[in-house]
Amino acid sequence: MADTHDIQSWLNGDKLRSQKVREQYPLIGLIVGLVFLYILTGYQSAKQQHRLTDTKLEMLDAKFRYMTISAQLTNTTRQSQVVEALRANGSELRENTVPPVKIK
């Protein structure tokens, strides 16, 4: 029966109003505050980790776009490609077959 009386005293709040428990209120408040900060810090770090992952993916995407554009530019500016483009457009310009001469 003593166990039932203990449970009832906790449930109806008699134990929480006792002097021994009241002396521990600041400690209980500190523990609750620290638990709250711990949970908040966990959420903030998870949020920051997600942002970091998203930023890494954006950087990787930008890198691949740069590499694609760079390869296209290199291919487009090759001499053979320029000559073909000139011929296709009907330009009067022709490829120089005489090597350059150095003047002293």
Protein backbone atom coordinates (compact mmCIF):
# COMPACT_ATOMS: atom_id res chain seq x y z
CA MET A 1 0.00 0.00 0.00
CA ALA A 2 2.91 2.32 0.58
CA ASP A 3 3.81 2.12 -3.11
CA THR A 4 0.31 3.26 -4.10
CA HIS A 5 0.54 6.16 -1.70
CA ASP A 6 3.90 7.16 -3.24
CA ILE A 7 2.49 7.06 -6.76
CA GLN A 8 -0.57 9.02 -5.73
CA SER A 9 1.55 11.67 -4.02
CA TRP A 10 3.57 12.15 -7.21
CA LEU A 11 0.48 12.23 -9.42
CA ASN A 12 -1.46 14.73 -7.32
CA GLY A 13 1.63 16.94 -6.86
CA ASP A 14 2.24 16.52 -3.14
CA LYS A 15 5.81 15.32 -3.76
CA LEU A 16 6.54 18.30 -6.03
CA ARG A 17 5.55 20.70 -3.27
CA SER A 18 7.72 19.06 -0.61
CA GLN A 19 10.67 21.06 0.74
CA LYS A 20 13.31 18.61 -0.54
CA VAL A 21 12.06 18.82 -4.12
CA ARG A 22 11.61 22.62 -3.94
CA GLU A 23 15.29 22.95 -3.06
CA GLN A 24 16.10 21.13 -6.29
CA TYR A 25 14.01 23.43 -8.57
CA PRO A 26 17.02 25.48 -9.74
CA LEU A 27 18.91 22.29 -10.62
CA ILE A 28 15.88 20.88 -12.45
CA GLY A 29 15.51 24.19 -14.31
CA LEU A 30 19.19 24.10 -15.29
CA ILE A 31 18.90 20.53 -16.54
CA VAL A 32 15.76 21.36 -18.57
CA GLY A 33 17.52 24.42 -20.03
CA LEU A 34 20.59 22.40 -21.00
CA VAL A 35 18.45 19.70 -22.60
CA PHE A 36 16.63 22.41 -24.58
CA LEU A 37 19.95 23.90 -25.74
CA TYR A 38 21.24 20.44 -26.66
CA ILE A 39 18.19 19.76 -28.84
CA LEU A 40 18.36 23.24 -30.40
CA THR A 41 22.05 22.81 -31.21
CA GLY A 42 21.34 19.44 -32.82
CA TYR A 43 18.69 20.97 -35.08
CA GLN A 44 20.95 23.89 -36.01
CA SER A 45 23.86 21.60 -36.89
CA ALA A 46 21.60 19.36 -39.00
CA LYS A 47 20.28 22.43 -40.82
CA GLN A 48 23.81 23.68 -41.46
CA GLN A 49 24.88 20.24 -42.70
CA HIS A 50 21.99 20.23 -45.20
CA ARG A 51 22.98 23.69 -46.45
CA LEU A 52 26.60 22.55 -46.81
CA THR A 53 25.53 19.48 -48.79
CA ASP A 54 23.32 21.61 -51.05
CA THR A 55 26.17 24.07 -51.62
CA LYS A 56 28.57 21.24 -52.51
CA LEU A 57 26.08 19.90 -55.04
CA GLU A 58 25.65 23.37 -56.56
CA MET A 59 29.42 23.77 -56.83
CA LEU A 60 29.75 20.36 -58.47
CA ASP A 61 27.01 21.27 -60.95
CA ALA A 62 28.72 24.59 -61.73
CA LYS A 63 32.04 22.80 -62.22
CA PHE A 64 30.52 20.38 -64.72
CA ARG A 65 28.78 23.21 -66.58
CA TYR A 66 32.13 25.05 -66.77
CA MET A 67 33.88 21.96 -68.09
CA THR A 68 31.18 21.42 -70.72
CA ILE A 69 31.26 25.03 -71.91
CA SER A 70 35.07 25.02 -71.93
CA ALA A 71 35.17 21.86 -74.04
CA GLN A 72 32.61 23.30 -76.46
CA LEU A 73 34.60 26.54 -76.76
CA THR A 74 37.84 24.64 -77.36
CA ASN A 75 36.17 22.56 -80.05
CA THR A 76 34.53 25.58 -81.70
CA THR A 77 37.73 27.63 -81.89
CA ARG A 78 39.88 24.94 -83.50
CA GLN A 79 41.29 25.96 -86.85
CA SER A 80 39.53 23.17 -88.69
CA GLN A 81 36.17 24.15 -87.18
CA VAL A 82 36.71 27.82 -88.05
CA VAL A 83 37.58 26.91 -91.65
CA GLU A 84 34.47 24.74 -91.93
CA ALA A 85 32.30 27.54 -90.52
CA LEU A 86 33.77 30.02 -93.03
CA ARG A 87 33.11 27.63 -95.93
CA ALA A 88 29.56 26.96 -94.73
CA ASN A 89 28.81 30.70 -94.58
CA GLY A 90 30.28 31.31 -98.03
CA SER A 91 32.99 33.63 -96.78
CA GLU A 92 35.75 34.93 -99.04
CA LEU A 93 38.37 34.23 -96.38
CA ARG A 94 40.64 31.26 -97.03
CA GLU A 95 43.14 29.37 -94.95
CA ASN A 96 46.72 30.62 -95.31
CA THR A 97 48.93 27.87 -96.76
CA VAL A 98 52.15 29.94 -96.76
CA PRO A 99 54.09 29.71 -93.50
CA PRO A 100 54.81 32.99 -91.75
CA VAL A 101 58.16 34.72 -92.40
CA LYS A 102 60.18 36.32 -89.65
CA ILE A 103 61.47 39.80 -90.57
CA LYS A 104 64.67 40.90 -88.90
